[in-house]
ModelCIF file with pLDDT and N, C-alpha, C, O atoms, coordinates in Angstrom:
data_MODEL
#
_entry.id   MODEL 
#
_entity.id                         1 
_entity.type                       polymer 
_entity.pdbx_number_of_molecules   1 
#
_entity_poly.entity_id                      1 
_entity_poly.type                           'polypeptide(L)' 
_entity_poly.nstd_linkage                   no 
_entity_poly.nstd_monomer                   no 
_entity_poly.pdbx_seq_one_letter_code       LTLGETALIEASIEKCLMAGITQVMIGTGYQSQ 
_entity_poly.pdbx_seq_one_letter_code_can   LTLGETALIEASIEKCLMAGITQVMIGTGYQSQ 
_entity_poly.pdbx_strand_id                 A 
#
loop_
_entity_poly_seq.entity_id 
_entity_poly_seq.num 
_entity_poly_seq.mon_id 
_entity_poly_seq.hetero 
1 1  LEU n 
1 2  THR n 
1 3  LEU n 
1 4  GLY n 
1 5  GLU n 
1 6  THR n 
1 7  ALA n 
1 8  LEU n 
1 9  ILE n 
1 10 GLU n 
1 11 ALA n 
1 12 SER n 
1 13 ILE n 
1 14 GLU n 
1 15 LYS n 
1 16 CYS n 
1 17 LEU n 
1 18 MET n 
1 19 ALA n 
1 20 GLY n 
1 21 ILE n 
1 22 THR n 
1 23 GLN n 
1 24 VAL n 
1 25 MET n 
1 26 ILE n 
1 27 GLY n 
1 28 THR n 
1 29 GLY n 
1 30 TYR n 
1 31 GLN n 
1 32 SER n 
1 33 GLN n 
#
_struct_asym.id          A 
_struct_asym.entity_id   1 
#
loop_
_ma_qa_metric.id 
_ma_qa_metric.mode 
_ma_qa_metric.name 
_ma_qa_metric.software_group_id 
_ma_qa_metric.type 
1 global pLDDT . pLDDT 
2 local  pLDDT . pLDDT 
#
_ma_qa_metric_global.metric_id      1 
_ma_qa_metric_global.metric_value   94.88 
_ma_qa_metric_global.model_id       1 
_ma_qa_metric_global.ordinal_id     1 
#
loop_
_ma_qa_metric_local.label_asym_id 
_ma_qa_metric_local.label_comp_id 
_ma_qa_metric_local.label_seq_id 
_ma_qa_metric_local.metric_id 
_ma_qa_metric_local.metric_value 
_ma_qa_metric_local.model_id 
_ma_qa_metric_local.ordinal_id 
A LEU 1  2 94.00 1 1  
A THR 2  2 94.00 1 2  
A LEU 3  2 87.00 1 3  
A GLY 4  2 94.00 1 4  
A GLU 5  2 95.00 1 5  
A THR 6  2 96.00 1 6  
A ALA 7  2 96.00 1 7  
A LEU 8  2 95.00 1 8  
A ILE 9  2 96.00 1 9  
A GLU 10 2 96.00 1 10 
A ALA 11 2 97.00 1 11 
A SER 12 2 97.00 1 12 
A ILE 13 2 97.00 1 13 
A GLU 14 2 96.00 1 14 
A LYS 15 2 97.00 1 15 
A CYS 16 2 97.00 1 16 
A LEU 17 2 96.00 1 17 
A MET 18 2 96.00 1 18 
A ALA 19 2 96.00 1 19 
A GLY 20 2 96.00 1 20 
A ILE 21 2 97.00 1 21 
A THR 22 2 95.00 1 22 
A GLN 23 2 96.00 1 23 
A VAL 24 2 97.00 1 24 
A MET 25 2 97.00 1 25 
A ILE 26 2 96.00 1 26 
A GLY 27 2 95.00 1 27 
A THR 28 2 94.00 1 28 
A GLY 29 2 90.00 1 29 
A TYR 30 2 87.00 1 30 
A GLN 31 2 92.00 1 31 
A SER 32 2 93.00 1 32 
A GLN 33 2 94.00 1 33 
#
loop_
_atom_site.group_PDB 
_atom_site.id 
_atom_site.type_symbol 
_atom_site.label_atom_id 
_atom_site.label_alt_id 
_atom_site.label_comp_id 
_atom_site.label_asym_id 
_atom_site.label_entity_id 
_atom_site.label_seq_id 
_atom_site.pdbx_PDB_ins_code 
_atom_site.Cartn_x 
_atom_site.Cartn_y 
_atom_site.Cartn_z 
_atom_site.occupancy 
_atom_site.B_iso_or_equiv 
_atom_site.pdbx_formal_charge 
_atom_site.auth_seq_id 
_atom_site.auth_comp_id 
_atom_site.auth_asym_id 
_atom_site.auth_atom_id 
_atom_site.pdbx_PDB_model_num 
ATOM 1   N N  . LEU A 1 1  ? 98.883  117.556 106.759 1.00 94.00 ? 1  LEU A N  1 
ATOM 2   C CA . LEU A 1 1  ? 100.072 118.313 106.378 1.00 94.00 ? 1  LEU A CA 1 
ATOM 3   C C  . LEU A 1 1  ? 101.060 117.308 105.800 1.00 94.00 ? 1  LEU A C  1 
ATOM 4   O O  . LEU A 1 1  ? 101.036 116.132 106.164 1.00 94.00 ? 1  LEU A O  1 
ATOM 5   N N  . THR A 1 2  ? 101.916 117.758 104.914 1.00 94.00 ? 2  THR A N  1 
ATOM 6   C CA . THR A 1 2  ? 102.813 116.825 104.252 1.00 94.00 ? 2  THR A CA 1 
ATOM 7   C C  . THR A 1 2  ? 104.273 117.081 104.579 1.00 94.00 ? 2  THR A C  1 
ATOM 8   O O  . THR A 1 2  ? 104.697 118.210 104.828 1.00 94.00 ? 2  THR A O  1 
ATOM 9   N N  . LEU A 1 3  ? 105.005 116.015 104.569 1.00 87.00 ? 3  LEU A N  1 
ATOM 10  C CA . LEU A 1 3  ? 106.465 116.056 104.590 1.00 87.00 ? 3  LEU A CA 1 
ATOM 11  C C  . LEU A 1 3  ? 106.848 115.384 103.287 1.00 87.00 ? 3  LEU A C  1 
ATOM 12  O O  . LEU A 1 3  ? 106.728 114.166 103.150 1.00 87.00 ? 3  LEU A O  1 
ATOM 13  N N  . GLY A 1 4  ? 107.301 116.164 102.344 1.00 94.00 ? 4  GLY A N  1 
ATOM 14  C CA . GLY A 1 4  ? 107.496 115.617 101.005 1.00 94.00 ? 4  GLY A CA 1 
ATOM 15  C C  . GLY A 1 4  ? 106.150 115.560 100.306 1.00 94.00 ? 4  GLY A C  1 
ATOM 16  O O  . GLY A 1 4  ? 105.446 116.567 100.237 1.00 94.00 ? 4  GLY A O  1 
ATOM 17  N N  . GLU A 1 5  ? 105.784 114.395 99.786  1.00 95.00 ? 5  GLU A N  1 
ATOM 18  C CA . GLU A 1 5  ? 104.531 114.263 99.042  1.00 95.00 ? 5  GLU A CA 1 
ATOM 19  C C  . GLU A 1 5  ? 103.442 113.508 99.794  1.00 95.00 ? 5  GLU A C  1 
ATOM 20  O O  . GLU A 1 5  ? 102.321 113.396 99.297  1.00 95.00 ? 5  GLU A O  1 
ATOM 21  N N  . THR A 1 6  ? 103.746 112.991 100.974 1.00 96.00 ? 6  THR A N  1 
ATOM 22  C CA . THR A 1 6  ? 102.816 112.138 101.695 1.00 96.00 ? 6  THR A CA 1 
ATOM 23  C C  . THR A 1 6  ? 102.281 112.835 102.939 1.00 96.00 ? 6  THR A C  1 
ATOM 24  O O  . THR A 1 6  ? 103.036 113.443 103.698 1.00 96.00 ? 6  THR A O  1 
ATOM 25  N N  . ALA A 1 7  ? 100.968 112.739 103.139 1.00 96.00 ? 7  ALA A N  1 
ATOM 26  C CA . ALA A 1 7  ? 100.353 113.313 104.340 1.00 96.00 ? 7  ALA A CA 1 
ATOM 27  C C  . ALA A 1 7  ? 100.846 112.558 105.574 1.00 96.00 ? 7  ALA A C  1 
ATOM 28  O O  . ALA A 1 7  ? 101.110 111.357 105.510 1.00 96.00 ? 7  ALA A O  1 
ATOM 29  N N  . LEU A 1 8  ? 100.968 113.265 106.690 1.00 95.00 ? 8  LEU A N  1 
ATOM 30  C CA . LEU A 1 8  ? 101.463 112.662 107.922 1.00 95.00 ? 8  LEU A CA 1 
ATOM 31  C C  . LEU A 1 8  ? 100.647 111.439 108.329 1.00 95.00 ? 8  LEU A C  1 
ATOM 32  O O  . LEU A 1 8  ? 101.220 110.422 108.718 1.00 95.00 ? 8  LEU A O  1 
ATOM 33  N N  . ILE A 1 9  ? 99.325  111.520 108.245 1.00 96.00 ? 9  ILE A N  1 
ATOM 34  C CA . ILE A 1 9  ? 98.492  110.387 108.663 1.00 96.00 ? 9  ILE A CA 1 
ATOM 35  C C  . ILE A 1 9  ? 98.695  109.193 107.747 1.00 96.00 ? 9  ILE A C  1 
ATOM 36  O O  . ILE A 1 9  ? 98.719  108.054 108.214 1.00 96.00 ? 9  ILE A O  1 
ATOM 37  N N  . GLU A 1 10 ? 98.840  109.433 106.453 1.00 96.00 ? 10 GLU A N  1 
ATOM 38  C CA . GLU A 1 10 ? 99.059  108.326 105.516 1.00 96.00 ? 10 GLU A CA 1 
ATOM 39  C C  . GLU A 1 10 ? 100.416 107.667 105.750 1.00 96.00 ? 10 GLU A C  1 
ATOM 40  O O  . GLU A 1 10 ? 100.524 106.442 105.707 1.00 96.00 ? 10 GLU A O  1 
ATOM 41  N N  . ALA A 1 11 ? 101.440 108.458 105.994 1.00 97.00 ? 11 ALA A N  1 
ATOM 42  C CA . ALA A 1 11 ? 102.765 107.902 106.282 1.00 97.00 ? 11 ALA A CA 1 
ATOM 43  C C  . ALA A 1 11 ? 102.733 107.098 107.581 1.00 97.00 ? 11 ALA A C  1 
ATOM 44  O O  . ALA A 1 11 ? 103.354 106.039 107.676 1.00 97.00 ? 11 ALA A O  1 
ATOM 45  N N  . SER A 1 12 ? 102.014 107.599 108.570 1.00 97.00 ? 12 SER A N  1 
ATOM 46  C CA . SER A 1 12 ? 101.917 106.906 109.852 1.00 97.00 ? 12 SER A CA 1 
ATOM 47  C C  . SER A 1 12 ? 101.199 105.569 109.709 1.00 97.00 ? 12 SER A C  1 
ATOM 48  O O  . SER A 1 12 ? 101.628 104.568 110.281 1.00 97.00 ? 12 SER A O  1 
ATOM 49  N N  . ILE A 1 13 ? 100.110 105.551 108.949 1.00 97.00 ? 13 ILE A N  1 
ATOM 50  C CA . ILE A 1 13 ? 99.378  104.306 108.731 1.00 97.00 ? 13 ILE A CA 1 
ATOM 51  C C  . ILE A 1 13 ? 100.256 103.307 107.983 1.00 97.00 ? 13 ILE A C  1 
ATOM 52  O O  . ILE A 1 13 ? 100.284 102.126 108.328 1.00 97.00 ? 13 ILE A O  1 
ATOM 53  N N  . GLU A 1 14 ? 100.961 103.768 106.978 1.00 96.00 ? 14 GLU A N  1 
ATOM 54  C CA . GLU A 1 14 ? 101.836 102.872 106.215 1.00 96.00 ? 14 GLU A CA 1 
ATOM 55  C C  . GLU A 1 14 ? 102.918 102.261 107.107 1.00 96.00 ? 14 GLU A C  1 
ATOM 56  O O  . GLU A 1 14 ? 103.220 101.073 106.994 1.00 96.00 ? 14 GLU A O  1 
ATOM 57  N N  . LYS A 1 15 ? 103.492 103.061 107.981 1.00 97.00 ? 15 LYS A N  1 
ATOM 58  C CA . LYS A 1 15 ? 104.514 102.539 108.894 1.00 97.00 ? 15 LYS A CA 1 
ATOM 59  C C  . LYS A 1 15 ? 103.920 101.502 109.850 1.00 97.00 ? 15 LYS A C  1 
ATOM 60  O O  . LYS A 1 15 ? 104.570 100.508 110.174 1.00 97.00 ? 15 LYS A O  1 
ATOM 61  N N  . CYS A 1 16 ? 102.704 101.733 110.291 1.00 97.00 ? 16 CYS A N  1 
ATOM 62  C CA . CYS A 1 16 ? 102.042 100.754 111.152 1.00 97.00 ? 16 CYS A CA 1 
ATOM 63  C C  . CYS A 1 16 ? 101.838 99.435  110.415 1.00 97.00 ? 16 CYS A C  1 
ATOM 64  O O  . CYS A 1 16 ? 102.115 98.366  110.959 1.00 97.00 ? 16 CYS A O  1 
ATOM 65  N N  . LEU A 1 17 ? 101.357 99.509  109.189 1.00 96.00 ? 17 LEU A N  1 
ATOM 66  C CA . LEU A 1 17 ? 101.138 98.298  108.400 1.00 96.00 ? 17 LEU A CA 1 
ATOM 67  C C  . LEU A 1 17 ? 102.445 97.546  108.168 1.00 96.00 ? 17 LEU A C  1 
ATOM 68  O O  . LEU A 1 17 ? 102.470 96.317  108.241 1.00 96.00 ? 17 LEU A O  1 
ATOM 69  N N  . MET A 1 18 ? 103.518 98.257  107.892 1.00 96.00 ? 18 MET A N  1 
ATOM 70  C CA . MET A 1 18 ? 104.816 97.627  107.676 1.00 96.00 ? 18 MET A CA 1 
ATOM 71  C C  . MET A 1 18 ? 105.341 96.966  108.958 1.00 96.00 ? 18 MET A C  1 
ATOM 72  O O  . MET A 1 18 ? 106.134 96.026  108.899 1.00 96.00 ? 18 MET A O  1 
ATOM 73  N N  . ALA A 1 19 ? 104.889 97.470  110.118 1.00 96.00 ? 19 ALA A N  1 
ATOM 74  C CA . ALA A 1 19 ? 105.314 96.917  111.404 1.00 96.00 ? 19 ALA A CA 1 
ATOM 75  C C  . ALA A 1 19 ? 104.416 95.763  111.864 1.00 96.00 ? 19 ALA A C  1 
ATOM 76  O O  . ALA A 1 19 ? 104.614 95.219  112.950 1.00 96.00 ? 19 ALA A O  1 
ATOM 77  N N  . GLY A 1 20 ? 103.439 95.394  111.049 1.00 96.00 ? 20 GLY A N  1 
ATOM 78  C CA . GLY A 1 20 ? 102.580 94.269  111.394 1.00 96.00 ? 20 GLY A CA 1 
ATOM 79  C C  . GLY A 1 20 ? 101.280 94.626  112.072 1.00 96.00 ? 20 GLY A C  1 
ATOM 80  O O  . GLY A 1 20 ? 100.541 93.735  112.490 1.00 96.00 ? 20 GLY A O  1 
ATOM 81  N N  . ILE A 1 21 ? 100.981 95.896  112.193 1.00 97.00 ? 21 ILE A N  1 
ATOM 82  C CA . ILE A 1 21 ? 99.697  96.323  112.760 1.00 97.00 ? 21 ILE A CA 1 
ATOM 83  C C  . ILE A 1 21 ? 98.598  95.931  111.777 1.00 97.00 ? 21 ILE A C  1 
ATOM 84  O O  . ILE A 1 21 ? 98.698  96.224  110.586 1.00 97.00 ? 21 ILE A O  1 
ATOM 85  N N  . THR A 1 22 ? 97.563  95.280  112.263 1.00 95.00 ? 22 THR A N  1 
ATOM 86  C CA . THR A 1 22 ? 96.496  94.822  111.376 1.00 95.00 ? 22 THR A CA 1 
ATOM 87  C C  . THR A 1 22 ? 95.220  95.636  111.484 1.00 95.00 ? 22 THR A C  1 
ATOM 88  O O  . THR A 1 22 ? 94.336  95.517  110.636 1.00 95.00 ? 22 THR A O  1 
ATOM 89  N N  . GLN A 1 23 ? 95.113  96.456  112.509 1.00 96.00 ? 23 GLN A N  1 
ATOM 90  C CA . GLN A 1 23 ? 93.919  97.280  112.688 1.00 96.00 ? 23 GLN A CA 1 
ATOM 91  C C  . GLN A 1 23 ? 94.348  98.693  113.065 1.00 96.00 ? 23 GLN A C  1 
ATOM 92  O O  . GLN A 1 23 ? 95.151  98.886  113.978 1.00 96.00 ? 23 GLN A O  1 
ATOM 93  N N  . VAL A 1 24 ? 93.804  99.681  112.351 1.00 97.00 ? 24 VAL A N  1 
ATOM 94  C CA . VAL A 1 24 ? 94.090  101.083 112.629 1.00 97.00 ? 24 VAL A CA 1 
ATOM 95  C C  . VAL A 1 24 ? 92.770  101.797 112.881 1.00 97.00 ? 24 VAL A C  1 
ATOM 96  O O  . VAL A 1 24 ? 91.843  101.714 112.075 1.00 97.00 ? 24 VAL A O  1 
ATOM 97  N N  . MET A 1 25 ? 92.697  102.491 113.993 1.00 97.00 ? 25 MET A N  1 
ATOM 98  C CA . MET A 1 25 ? 91.510  103.290 114.324 1.00 97.00 ? 25 MET A CA 1 
ATOM 99  C C  . MET A 1 25 ? 91.940  104.750 114.429 1.00 97.00 ? 25 MET A C  1 
ATOM 100 O O  . MET A 1 25 ? 93.009  105.061 114.953 1.00 97.00 ? 25 MET A O  1 
ATOM 101 N N  . ILE A 1 26 ? 91.085  105.639 113.920 1.00 96.00 ? 26 ILE A N  1 
ATOM 102 C CA . ILE A 1 26 ? 91.375  107.069 113.980 1.00 96.00 ? 26 ILE A CA 1 
ATOM 103 C C  . ILE A 1 26 ? 90.188  107.773 114.616 1.00 96.00 ? 26 ILE A C  1 
ATOM 104 O O  . ILE A 1 26 ? 89.083  107.755 114.072 1.00 96.00 ? 26 ILE A O  1 
ATOM 105 N N  . GLY A 1 27 ? 90.414  108.387 115.759 1.00 95.00 ? 27 GLY A N  1 
ATOM 106 C CA . GLY A 1 27 ? 89.388  109.199 116.404 1.00 95.00 ? 27 GLY A CA 1 
ATOM 107 C C  . GLY A 1 27 ? 89.452  110.592 115.815 1.00 95.00 ? 27 GLY A C  1 
ATOM 108 O O  . GLY A 1 27 ? 90.461  111.284 115.947 1.00 95.00 ? 27 GLY A O  1 
ATOM 109 N N  . THR A 1 28 ? 88.377  111.005 115.165 1.00 94.00 ? 28 THR A N  1 
ATOM 110 C CA . THR A 1 28 ? 88.388  112.297 114.480 1.00 94.00 ? 28 THR A CA 1 
ATOM 111 C C  . THR A 1 28 ? 87.394  113.258 115.101 1.00 94.00 ? 28 THR A C  1 
ATOM 112 O O  . THR A 1 28 ? 86.551  112.868 115.909 1.00 94.00 ? 28 THR A O  1 
ATOM 113 N N  . GLY A 1 29 ? 87.502  114.487 114.723 1.00 90.00 ? 29 GLY A N  1 
ATOM 114 C CA . GLY A 1 29 ? 86.604  115.546 115.167 1.00 90.00 ? 29 GLY A CA 1 
ATOM 115 C C  . GLY A 1 29 ? 86.668  116.663 114.144 1.00 90.00 ? 29 GLY A C  1 
ATOM 116 O O  . GLY A 1 29 ? 85.822  116.762 113.256 1.00 90.00 ? 29 GLY A O  1 
ATOM 117 N N  . TYR A 1 30 ? 87.686  117.505 114.281 1.00 87.00 ? 30 TYR A N  1 
ATOM 118 C CA . TYR A 1 30 ? 87.867  118.655 113.398 1.00 87.00 ? 30 TYR A CA 1 
ATOM 119 C C  . TYR A 1 30 ? 88.017  118.191 111.952 1.00 87.00 ? 30 TYR A C  1 
ATOM 120 O O  . TYR A 1 30 ? 88.919  117.418 111.630 1.00 87.00 ? 30 TYR A O  1 
ATOM 121 N N  . GLN A 1 31 ? 87.144  118.660 111.102 1.00 92.00 ? 31 GLN A N  1 
ATOM 122 C CA . GLN A 1 31 ? 87.149  118.359 109.670 1.00 92.00 ? 31 GLN A CA 1 
ATOM 123 C C  . GLN A 1 31 ? 87.293  116.859 109.406 1.00 92.00 ? 31 GLN A C  1 
ATOM 124 O O  . GLN A 1 31 ? 88.130  116.433 108.611 1.00 92.00 ? 31 GLN A O  1 
ATOM 125 N N  . SER A 1 32 ? 86.471  116.081 110.079 1.00 93.00 ? 32 SER A N  1 
ATOM 126 C CA . SER A 1 32 ? 86.552  114.621 109.998 1.00 93.00 ? 32 SER A CA 1 
ATOM 127 C C  . SER A 1 32 ? 86.345  114.073 108.590 1.00 93.00 ? 32 SER A C  1 
ATOM 128 O O  . SER A 1 32 ? 86.776  112.956 108.302 1.00 93.00 ? 32 SER A O  1 
ATOM 129 N N  . GLN A 1 33 ? 85.705  114.820 107.719 1.00 94.00 ? 33 GLN A N  1 
ATOM 130 C CA . GLN A 1 33 ? 85.478  114.348 106.350 1.00 94.00 ? 33 GLN A CA 1 
ATOM 131 C C  . GLN A 1 33 ? 86.788  114.049 105.625 1.00 94.00 ? 33 GLN A C  1 
ATOM 132 O O  . GLN A 1 33 ? 86.772  113.642 104.463 1.00 94.00 ? 33 GLN A O  1 
#
């Protein structure tokens, strides 16, 4: 889902990277593709 033009997961990952997070893992299930 988007807030503005960016998907929530993409915005969240970007914020993590900007905060110095070097590894991001996503546990998926529903529509994992």
